[in-house]
Amino acid sequence: MSEIIASEPAPFIPDDLTVPQFFFDSDHPLRAIRPHGVPFFVDDTTGRAVDSREVSNVVGHFLKSC
């Protein structure tokens, strides 16, 4: 088995957040920053833009139903 050795120490990754909280609610140096007004998705057929707030709400409702 291969062994992978990093040249830098691993960054701190919070273990007290859910994945949606990390993506949408946290201010962490490793979290990608999306400029305001840039959609997460654009529907190919209709061209409707889906922003981060809508994605966050849908993900939150989905996770609460599980």
PDB file of N, CA and C in Angstrom:
ATOM      1  N   MET A   1       0.843  -1.176   0.000  1.00  0.00           N
ATOM      2  CA  MET A   1       0.000   0.000   0.000  1.00  0.00           C
ATOM      3  C   MET A   1       0.888   1.240   0.000  1.00  0.00           C
ATOM      4  N   SER A   2       0.510   2.225  -0.776  1.00  0.00           N
ATOM      5  CA  SER A   2       1.268   3.474  -0.843  1.00  0.00           C
ATOM      6  C   SER A   2       1.009   4.329   0.380  1.00  0.00           C
ATOM      7  N   GLU A   3       2.006   5.080   0.761  1.00  0.00           N
ATOM      8  CA  GLU A   3       1.868   5.997   1.872  1.00  0.00           C
ATOM      9  C   GLU A   3       2.035   7.410   1.334  1.00  0.00           C
ATOM     10  N   ILE A   4       1.094   8.276   1.677  1.00  0.00           N
ATOM     11  CA  ILE A   4       1.138   9.663   1.219  1.00  0.00           C
ATOM     12  C   ILE A   4       1.581  10.535   2.385  1.00  0.00           C
ATOM     13  N   ILE A   5       2.625  11.309   2.151  1.00  0.00           N
ATOM     14  CA  ILE A   5       3.155  12.184   3.190  1.00  0.00           C
ATOM     15  C   ILE A   5       3.070  13.623   2.677  1.00  0.00           C
ATOM     16  N   ALA A   6       2.393  14.473   3.440  1.00  0.00           N
ATOM     17  CA  ALA A   6       2.216  15.871   3.061  1.00  0.00           C
ATOM     18  C   ALA A   6       3.427  16.691   3.474  1.00  0.00           C
ATOM     19  N   SER A   7       3.719  17.709   2.692  1.00  0.00           N
ATOM     20  CA  SER A   7       4.841  18.584   3.027  1.00  0.00           C
ATOM     21  C   SER A   7       4.451  19.614   4.080  1.00  0.00           C
ATOM     22  N   GLU A   8       3.159  19.811   4.292  1.00  0.00           N
ATOM     23  CA  GLU A   8       2.654  20.754   5.290  1.00  0.00           C
ATOM     24  C   GLU A   8       1.723  20.014   6.233  1.00  0.00           C
ATOM     25  N   PRO A   9       1.546  20.521   7.450  1.00  0.00           N
ATOM     26  CA  PRO A   9       0.576  19.879   8.341  1.00  0.00           C
ATOM     27  C   PRO A   9      -0.851  20.084   7.809  1.00  0.00           C
ATOM     28  N   ALA A  10      -1.708  19.153   8.117  1.00  0.00           N
ATOM     29  CA  ALA A  10      -3.105  19.253   7.681  1.00  0.00           C
ATOM     30  C   ALA A  10      -3.767  20.448   8.363  1.00  0.00           C
ATOM     31  N   PRO A  11      -4.613  21.184   7.639  1.00  0.00           N
ATOM     32  CA  PRO A  11      -5.303  22.323   8.251  1.00  0.00           C
ATOM     33  C   PRO A  11      -6.361  21.835   9.239  1.00  0.00           C
ATOM     34  N   PHE A  12      -6.710  22.698  10.168  1.00  0.00           N
ATOM     35  CA  PHE A  12      -7.768  22.365  11.121  1.00  0.00           C
ATOM     36  C   PHE A  12      -9.101  22.306  10.375  1.00  0.00           C
ATOM     37  N   ILE A  13      -9.791  21.213  10.548  1.00  0.00           N
ATOM     38  CA  ILE A  13     -11.119  21.055   9.957  1.00  0.00           C
ATOM     39  C   ILE A  13     -12.096  20.912  11.109  1.00  0.00           C
ATOM     40  N   PRO A  14     -13.082  21.811  11.204  1.00  0.00           N
ATOM     41  CA  PRO A  14     -13.995  21.762  12.350  1.00  0.00           C
ATOM     42  C   PRO A  14     -14.811  20.478  12.354  1.00  0.00           C
ATOM     43  N   ASP A  15     -14.956  19.908  13.551  1.00  0.00           N
ATOM     44  CA  ASP A  15     -15.752  18.687  13.662  1.00  0.00           C
ATOM     45  C   ASP A  15     -17.074  18.931  14.379  1.00  0.00           C
ATOM     46  N   ASP A  16     -17.398  20.200  14.607  1.00  0.00           N
ATOM     47  CA  ASP A  16     -18.649  20.528  15.276  1.00  0.00           C
ATOM     48  C   ASP A  16     -19.680  21.140  14.314  1.00  0.00           C
ATOM     49  N   LEU A  17     -19.442  21.003  13.002  1.00  0.00           N
ATOM     50  CA  LEU A  17     -20.362  21.524  11.990  1.00  0.00           C
ATOM     51  C   LEU A  17     -20.824  20.393  11.085  1.00  0.00           C
ATOM     52  N   THR A  18     -22.051  20.502  10.618  1.00  0.00           N
ATOM     53  CA  THR A  18     -22.504  19.583   9.578  1.00  0.00           C
ATOM     54  C   THR A  18     -21.928  20.068   8.254  1.00  0.00           C
ATOM     55  N   VAL A  19     -21.986  19.229   7.241  1.00  0.00           N
ATOM     56  CA  VAL A  19     -21.473  19.637   5.928  1.00  0.00           C
ATOM     57  C   VAL A  19     -22.229  20.859   5.397  1.00  0.00           C
ATOM     58  N   PRO A  20     -23.577  20.896   5.460  1.00  0.00           N
ATOM     59  CA  PRO A  20     -24.261  22.117   5.001  1.00  0.00           C
ATOM     60  C   PRO A  20     -23.870  23.359   5.803  1.00  0.00           C
ATOM     61  N   GLN A  21     -23.687  23.210   7.123  1.00  0.00           N
ATOM     62  CA  GLN A  21     -23.255  24.361   7.913  1.00  0.00           C
ATOM     63  C   GLN A  21     -21.891  24.848   7.454  1.00  0.00           C
ATOM     64  N   PHE A  22     -20.988  23.928   7.162  1.00  0.00           N
ATOM     65  CA  PHE A  22     -19.656  24.310   6.696  1.00  0.00           C
ATOM     66  C   PHE A  22     -19.732  25.046   5.362  1.00  0.00           C
ATOM     67  N   PHE A  23     -20.539  24.513   4.432  1.00  0.00           N
ATOM     68  CA  PHE A  23     -20.645  25.122   3.103  1.00  0.00           C
ATOM     69  C   PHE A  23     -21.365  26.456   3.108  1.00  0.00           C
ATOM     70  N   PHE A  24     -22.387  26.601   3.944  1.00  0.00           N
ATOM     71  CA  PHE A  24     -23.248  27.777   3.835  1.00  0.00           C
ATOM     72  C   PHE A  24     -23.139  28.777   4.979  1.00  0.00           C
ATOM     73  N   ASP A  25     -22.748  28.353   6.180  1.00  0.00           N
ATOM     74  CA  ASP A  25     -22.856  29.244   7.332  1.00  0.00           C
ATOM     75  C   ASP A  25     -21.542  29.620   7.998  1.00  0.00           C
ATOM     76  N   SER A  26     -20.472  28.897   7.738  1.00  0.00           N
ATOM     77  CA  SER A  26     -19.240  29.139   8.489  1.00  0.00           C
ATOM     78  C   SER A  26     -18.293  30.077   7.744  1.00  0.00           C
ATOM     79  N   ASP A  27     -17.414  30.678   8.509  1.00  0.00           N
ATOM     80  CA  ASP A  27     -16.334  31.492   7.948  1.00  0.00           C
ATOM     81  C   ASP A  27     -15.028  30.766   8.257  1.00  0.00           C
ATOM     82  N   HIS A  28     -14.676  29.843   7.402  1.00  0.00           N
ATOM     83  CA  HIS A  28     -13.484  29.021   7.594  1.00  0.00           C
ATOM     84  C   HIS A  28     -12.526  29.306   6.452  1.00  0.00           C
ATOM     85  N   PRO A  29     -11.221  29.346   6.694  1.00  0.00           N
ATOM     86  CA  PRO A  29     -10.261  29.660   5.628  1.00  0.00           C
ATOM     87  C   PRO A  29     -10.307  28.695   4.444  1.00  0.00           C
ATOM     88  N   LEU A  30     -10.748  27.450   4.663  1.00  0.00           N
ATOM     89  CA  LEU A  30     -10.797  26.482   3.568  1.00  0.00           C
ATOM     90  C   LEU A  30     -12.102  26.538   2.780  1.00  0.00           C
ATOM     91  N   ARG A  31     -13.087  27.257   3.302  1.00  0.00           N
ATOM     92  CA  ARG A  31     -14.386  27.329   2.640  1.00  0.00           C
ATOM     93  C   ARG A  31     -14.288  28.277   1.450  1.00  0.00           C
ATOM     94  N   ALA A  32     -14.804  27.822   0.332  1.00  0.00           N
ATOM     95  CA  ALA A  32     -14.802  28.679  -0.861  1.00  0.00           C
ATOM     96  C   ALA A  32     -15.750  29.856  -0.652  1.00  0.00           C
ATOM     97  N   ILE A  33     -15.332  31.021  -1.061  1.00  0.00           N
ATOM     98  CA  ILE A  33     -16.155  32.223  -0.947  1.00  0.00           C
ATOM     99  C   ILE A  33     -16.779  32.505  -2.308  1.00  0.00           C
ATOM    100  N   ARG A  34     -18.105  32.521  -2.336  1.00  0.00           N
ATOM    101  CA  ARG A  34     -18.811  32.833  -3.581  1.00  0.00           C
ATOM    102  C   ARG A  34     -19.193  34.304  -3.546  1.00  0.00           C
ATOM    103  N   PRO A  35     -18.879  35.045  -4.590  1.00  0.00           N
ATOM    104  CA  PRO A  35     -19.287  36.450  -4.638  1.00  0.00           C
ATOM    105  C   PRO A  35     -20.810  36.570  -4.588  1.00  0.00           C
ATOM    106  N   HIS A  36     -21.288  37.625  -3.945  1.00  0.00           N
ATOM    107  CA  HIS A  36     -22.727  37.865  -3.846  1.00  0.00           C
ATOM    108  C   HIS A  36     -23.312  38.036  -5.253  1.00  0.00           C
ATOM    109  N   GLY A  37     -24.417  37.402  -5.490  1.00  0.00           N
ATOM    110  CA  GLY A  37     -25.083  37.527  -6.777  1.00  0.00           C
ATOM    111  C   GLY A  37     -24.677  36.485  -7.805  1.00  0.00           C
ATOM    112  N   VAL A  38     -23.709  35.631  -7.471  1.00  0.00           N
ATOM    113  CA  VAL A  38     -23.296  34.568  -8.383  1.00  0.00           C
ATOM    114  C   VAL A  38     -24.107  33.316  -8.037  1.00  0.00           C
ATOM    115  N   PRO A  39     -24.872  32.778  -8.983  1.00  0.00           N
ATOM    116  CA  PRO A  39     -25.722  31.626  -8.670  1.00  0.00           C
ATOM    117  C   PRO A  39     -24.917  30.358  -8.441  1.00  0.00           C
ATOM    118  N   PHE A  40     -25.503  29.442  -7.644  1.00  0.00           N
ATOM    119  CA  PHE A  40     -24.911  28.119  -7.453  1.00  0.00           C
ATOM    120  C   PHE A  40     -25.159  27.270  -8.683  1.00  0.00           C
ATOM    121  N   PHE A  41     -26.377  27.338  -9.206  1.00  0.00           N
ATOM    122  CA  PHE A  41     -26.781  26.553 -10.367  1.00  0.00           C
ATOM    123  C   PHE A  41     -27.586  27.434 -11.296  1.00  0.00           C
ATOM    124  N   VAL A  42     -27.590  27.066 -12.583  1.00  0.00           N
ATOM    125  CA  VAL A  42     -28.465  27.699 -13.569  1.00  0.00           C
ATOM    126  C   VAL A  42     -29.154  26.578 -14.327  1.00  0.00           C
ATOM    127  N   ASP A  43     -30.477  26.597 -14.348  1.00  0.00           N
ATOM    128  CA  ASP A  43     -31.249  25.574 -15.052  1.00  0.00           C
ATOM    129  C   ASP A  43     -31.020  25.718 -16.549  1.00  0.00           C
ATOM    130  N   ASP A  44     -30.587  24.624 -17.193  1.00  0.00           N
ATOM    131  CA  ASP A  44     -30.306  24.661 -18.633  1.00  0.00           C
ATOM    132  C   ASP A  44     -31.533  25.008 -19.458  1.00  0.00           C
ATOM    133  N   THR A  45     -32.666  24.458 -19.093  1.00  0.00           N
ATOM    134  CA  THR A  45     -33.884  24.632 -19.894  1.00  0.00           C
ATOM    135  C   THR A  45     -34.467  26.025 -19.753  1.00  0.00           C
ATOM    136  N   THR A  46     -34.613  26.479 -18.492  1.00  0.00           N
ATOM    137  CA  THR A  46     -35.303  27.747 -18.255  1.00  0.00           C
ATOM    138  C   THR A  46     -34.363  28.925 -18.064  1.00  0.00           C
ATOM    139  N   GLY A  47     -33.115  28.658 -17.694  1.00  0.00           N
ATOM    140  CA  GLY A  47     -32.176  29.738 -17.408  1.00  0.00           C
ATOM    141  C   GLY A  47     -32.359  30.312 -16.014  1.00  0.00           C
ATOM    142  N   ARG A  48     -33.225  29.676 -15.205  1.00  0.00           N
ATOM    143  CA  ARG A  48     -33.467  30.174 -13.854  1.00  0.00           C
ATOM    144  C   ARG A  48     -32.229  29.974 -12.993  1.00  0.00           C
ATOM    145  N   ALA A  49     -31.802  31.020 -12.313  1.00  0.00           N
ATOM    146  CA  ALA A  49     -30.640  30.958 -11.427  1.00  0.00           C
ATOM    147  C   ALA A  49     -31.083  30.538 -10.033  1.00  0.00           C
ATOM    148  N   VAL A  50     -30.285  29.679  -9.397  1.00  0.00           N
ATOM    149  CA  VAL A  50     -30.547  29.228  -8.035  1.00  0.00           C
ATOM    150  C   VAL A  50     -29.403  29.744  -7.167  1.00  0.00           C
ATOM    151  N   ASP A  51     -29.751  30.578  -6.179  1.00  0.00           N
ATOM    152  CA  ASP A  51     -28.699  31.174  -5.341  1.00  0.00           C
ATOM    153  C   ASP A  51     -28.426  30.332  -4.097  1.00  0.00           C
ATOM    154  N   SER A  52     -27.423  30.741  -3.338  1.00  0.00           N
ATOM    155  CA  SER A  52     -26.986  29.965  -2.177  1.00  0.00           C
ATOM    156  C   SER A  52     -28.066  29.858  -1.115  1.00  0.00           C
ATOM    157  N   ARG A  53     -28.874  30.884  -0.958  1.00  0.00           N
ATOM    158  CA  ARG A  53     -29.938  30.841   0.052  1.00  0.00           C
ATOM    159  C   ARG A  53     -30.949  29.745  -0.276  1.00  0.00           C
ATOM    160  N   GLU A  54     -31.340  29.638  -1.548  1.00  0.00           N
ATOM    161  CA  GLU A  54     -32.284  28.598  -1.954  1.00  0.00           C
ATOM    162  C   GLU A  54     -31.672  27.201  -1.800  1.00  0.00           C
ATOM    163  N   VAL A  55     -30.407  27.046  -2.182  1.00  0.00           N
ATOM    164  CA  VAL A  55     -29.738  25.748  -2.030  1.00  0.00           C
ATOM    165  C   VAL A  55     -29.665  25.378  -0.554  1.00  0.00           C
ATOM    166  N   SER A  56     -29.302  26.331   0.300  1.00  0.00           N
ATOM    167  CA  SER A  56     -29.215  26.082   1.730  1.00  0.00           C
ATOM    168  C   SER A  56     -30.564  25.659   2.302  1.00  0.00           C
ATOM    169  N   ASN A  57     -31.639  26.322   1.895  1.00  0.00           N
ATOM    170  CA  ASN A  57     -32.977  25.971   2.376  1.00  0.00           C
ATOM    171  C   ASN A  57     -33.383  24.578   1.935  1.00  0.00           C
ATOM    172  N   VAL A  58     -33.149  24.241   0.681  1.00  0.00           N
ATOM    173  CA  VAL A  58     -33.509  22.919   0.171  1.00  0.00           C
ATOM    174  C   VAL A  58     -32.718  21.831   0.873  1.00  0.00           C
ATOM    175  N   VAL A  59     -31.421  22.036   1.039  1.00  0.00           N
ATOM    176  CA  VAL A  59     -30.581  21.055   1.733  1.00  0.00           C
ATOM    177  C   VAL A  59     -31.041  20.909   3.184  1.00  0.00           C
ATOM    178  N   GLY A  60     -31.348  22.008   3.838  1.00  0.00           N
ATOM    179  CA  GLY A  60     -31.798  21.964   5.227  1.00  0.00           C
ATOM    180  C   GLY A  60     -33.100  21.194   5.379  1.00  0.00           C
ATOM    181  N   HIS A  61     -34.053  21.454   4.482  1.00  0.00           N
ATOM    182  CA  HIS A  61     -35.339  20.738   4.534  1.00  0.00           C
ATOM    183  C   HIS A  61     -35.138  19.254   4.254  1.00  0.00           C
ATOM    184  N   PHE A  62     -34.269  18.939   3.311  1.00  0.00           N
ATOM    185  CA  PHE A  62     -33.998  17.540   2.991  1.00  0.00           C
ATOM    186  C   PHE A  62     -33.405  16.803   4.190  1.00  0.00           C
ATOM    187  N   LEU A  63     -32.423  17.437   4.844  1.00  0.00           N
ATOM    188  CA  LEU A  63     -31.772  16.783   5.975  1.00  0.00           C
ATOM    189  C   LEU A  63     -32.710  16.627   7.167  1.00  0.00           C
ATOM    190  N   LYS A  64     -33.633  17.576   7.359  1.00  0.00           N
ATOM    191  CA  LYS A  64     -34.594  17.466   8.455  1.00  0.00           C
ATOM    192  C   LYS A  64     -35.584  16.327   8.213  1.00  0.00           C
ATOM    193  N   SER A  65     -35.812  16.003   6.947  1.00  0.00           N
ATOM    194  CA  SER A  65     -36.774  14.936   6.625  1.00  0.00           C
ATOM    195  C   SER A  65     -36.168  13.550   6.754  1.00  0.00           C
ATOM    196  N   CYS A  66     -34.847  13.462   6.859  1.00  0.00           N
ATOM    197  CA  CYS A  66     -34.188  12.146   6.959  1.00  0.00           C
ATOM    198  C   CYS A  66     -34.229  11.582   8.347  1.00  0.00           C
TER     199      CYS A  66
END
